[in-house]
Amino acid sequence: MPGSTKAMGVLTVGGLVMVTAYTVALGSNGWLWFGWVVLVLITLGMVVSQATS
């Protein structure tokens, strides 16, 4: 796994932790969860593109 894909994975997991903490502290925000899902999809796209190349 190249460095950029690994960094994106770390960012995605960190984003999950932050969005979950925000939800616990201040209540759910749909836009934050939507943004996190988009981040997951981008990360998965990077992983798949690295696996096929």
N, C-alpha and C. Protein backbone atom coordinates (compact mmCIF):
# COMPACT_ATOMS: atom_id res chain seq x y z
N MET A 1 0.85 -1.18 0.00
CA MET A 1 0.00 0.00 0.00
C MET A 1 0.89 1.23 0.00
N PRO A 2 0.79 2.05 -1.05
CA PRO A 2 1.63 3.25 -1.13
C PRO A 2 1.30 4.25 -0.03
N GLY A 3 2.21 5.17 0.18
CA GLY A 3 2.09 6.13 1.26
C GLY A 3 0.83 6.98 1.21
N SER A 4 0.45 7.43 0.00
CA SER A 4 -0.73 8.31 -0.09
C SER A 4 -2.00 7.56 0.27
N THR A 5 -2.10 6.31 -0.13
CA THR A 5 -3.28 5.50 0.20
C THR A 5 -3.33 5.21 1.69
N LYS A 6 -2.18 4.94 2.26
CA LYS A 6 -2.11 4.68 3.70
C LYS A 6 -2.49 5.93 4.48
N ALA A 7 -2.00 7.08 4.05
CA ALA A 7 -2.34 8.34 4.71
C ALA A 7 -3.84 8.63 4.59
N MET A 8 -4.41 8.31 3.46
CA MET A 8 -5.85 8.51 3.27
C MET A 8 -6.64 7.60 4.21
N GLY A 9 -6.17 6.38 4.40
CA GLY A 9 -6.82 5.47 5.34
C GLY A 9 -6.77 5.99 6.77
N VAL A 10 -5.63 6.53 7.15
CA VAL A 10 -5.48 7.10 8.49
C VAL A 10 -6.40 8.31 8.64
N LEU A 11 -6.48 9.15 7.62
CA LEU A 11 -7.36 10.31 7.65
C LEU A 11 -8.82 9.88 7.77
N THR A 12 -9.19 8.82 7.07
CA THR A 12 -10.56 8.32 7.12
C THR A 12 -10.92 7.82 8.51
N VAL A 13 -10.03 7.05 9.11
CA VAL A 13 -10.28 6.54 10.47
C VAL A 13 -10.31 7.70 11.46
N GLY A 14 -9.40 8.65 11.32
CA GLY A 14 -9.41 9.82 12.18
C GLY A 14 -10.69 10.64 12.02
N GLY A 15 -11.17 10.73 10.78
CA GLY A 15 -12.43 11.43 10.53
C GLY A 15 -13.59 10.74 11.21
N LEU A 16 -13.60 9.41 11.20
CA LEU A 16 -14.66 8.66 11.87
C LEU A 16 -14.65 8.96 13.37
N VAL A 17 -13.47 8.97 13.96
CA VAL A 17 -13.36 9.26 15.39
C VAL A 17 -13.87 10.67 15.68
N MET A 18 -13.50 11.63 14.87
CA MET A 18 -13.92 13.02 15.10
C MET A 18 -15.42 13.20 14.92
N VAL A 19 -15.99 12.61 13.86
CA VAL A 19 -17.43 12.74 13.62
C VAL A 19 -18.21 12.04 14.73
N THR A 20 -17.72 10.89 15.18
CA THR A 20 -18.40 10.18 16.27
C THR A 20 -18.34 11.01 17.56
N ALA A 21 -17.18 11.60 17.86
CA ALA A 21 -17.06 12.44 19.06
C ALA A 21 -17.98 13.64 18.98
N TYR A 22 -18.07 14.26 17.81
CA TYR A 22 -18.97 15.40 17.62
C TYR A 22 -20.41 14.98 17.86
N THR A 23 -20.79 13.82 17.30
CA THR A 23 -22.16 13.32 17.45
C THR A 23 -22.49 13.05 18.92
N VAL A 24 -21.55 12.47 19.65
CA VAL A 24 -21.78 12.18 21.06
C VAL A 24 -21.90 13.48 21.86
N ALA A 25 -21.04 14.45 21.56
CA ALA A 25 -21.00 15.69 22.35
C ALA A 25 -22.13 16.66 22.00
N LEU A 26 -22.40 16.83 20.71
CA LEU A 26 -23.31 17.90 20.29
C LEU A 26 -24.53 17.42 19.52
N GLY A 27 -24.62 16.15 19.25
CA GLY A 27 -25.76 15.64 18.48
C GLY A 27 -25.37 15.40 17.03
N SER A 28 -26.19 14.63 16.37
CA SER A 28 -25.89 14.21 15.02
C SER A 28 -25.96 15.37 14.03
N ASN A 29 -25.05 15.36 13.08
CA ASN A 29 -25.04 16.31 11.99
C ASN A 29 -24.92 15.51 10.70
N GLY A 30 -25.99 15.51 9.92
CA GLY A 30 -26.03 14.71 8.69
C GLY A 30 -24.95 15.06 7.70
N TRP A 31 -24.60 16.35 7.61
CA TRP A 31 -23.56 16.76 6.67
C TRP A 31 -22.20 16.19 7.03
N LEU A 32 -21.91 16.10 8.33
CA LEU A 32 -20.63 15.51 8.74
C LEU A 32 -20.57 14.04 8.35
N TRP A 33 -21.67 13.32 8.58
CA TRP A 33 -21.70 11.91 8.22
C TRP A 33 -21.63 11.73 6.71
N PHE A 34 -22.31 12.60 5.96
CA PHE A 34 -22.25 12.56 4.50
C PHE A 34 -20.81 12.78 4.03
N GLY A 35 -20.14 13.76 4.61
CA GLY A 35 -18.74 14.03 4.25
C GLY A 35 -17.85 12.85 4.56
N TRP A 36 -18.10 12.18 5.68
CA TRP A 36 -17.29 11.03 6.03
C TRP A 36 -17.51 9.88 5.05
N VAL A 37 -18.76 9.67 4.64
CA VAL A 37 -19.05 8.62 3.66
C VAL A 37 -18.35 8.92 2.34
N VAL A 38 -18.35 10.17 1.92
CA VAL A 38 -17.63 10.56 0.69
C VAL A 38 -16.14 10.26 0.85
N LEU A 39 -15.58 10.56 2.02
CA LEU A 39 -14.17 10.29 2.29
C LEU A 39 -13.89 8.79 2.21
N VAL A 40 -14.79 7.97 2.74
CA VAL A 40 -14.63 6.51 2.65
C VAL A 40 -14.64 6.06 1.20
N LEU A 41 -15.56 6.59 0.41
CA LEU A 41 -15.64 6.19 -1.00
C LEU A 41 -14.39 6.58 -1.77
N ILE A 42 -13.84 7.75 -1.48
CA ILE A 42 -12.59 8.18 -2.13
C ILE A 42 -11.45 7.25 -1.73
N THR A 43 -11.39 6.91 -0.44
CA THR A 43 -10.34 6.02 0.05
C THR A 43 -10.46 4.65 -0.60
N LEU A 44 -11.68 4.11 -0.69
CA LEU A 44 -11.88 2.81 -1.33
C LEU A 44 -11.48 2.88 -2.81
N GLY A 45 -11.80 3.98 -3.46
CA GLY A 45 -11.39 4.15 -4.86
C GLY A 45 -9.89 4.13 -5.01
N MET A 46 -9.18 4.77 -4.09
CA MET A 46 -7.72 4.76 -4.13
C MET A 46 -7.17 3.35 -3.91
N VAL A 47 -7.76 2.62 -2.98
CA VAL A 47 -7.30 1.25 -2.70
C VAL A 47 -7.52 0.36 -3.93
N VAL A 48 -8.69 0.47 -4.53
CA VAL A 48 -9.01 -0.36 -5.71
C VAL A 48 -8.09 0.00 -6.87
N SER A 49 -7.85 1.29 -7.08
CA SER A 49 -6.99 1.69 -8.19
C SER A 49 -5.55 1.22 -7.99
N GLN A 50 -5.09 1.16 -6.74
CA GLN A 50 -3.75 0.65 -6.48
C GLN A 50 -3.70 -0.85 -6.68
N ALA A 51 -4.78 -1.55 -6.33
CA ALA A 51 -4.81 -3.01 -6.45
C ALA A 51 -4.84 -3.43 -7.92
N THR A 52 -5.46 -2.64 -8.78
CA THR A 52 -5.58 -3.03 -10.18
C THR A 52 -4.40 -2.58 -11.03
N SER A 53 -3.56 -1.70 -10.50
CA SER A 53 -2.44 -1.22 -11.32
C SER A 53 -1.16 -1.98 -11.05
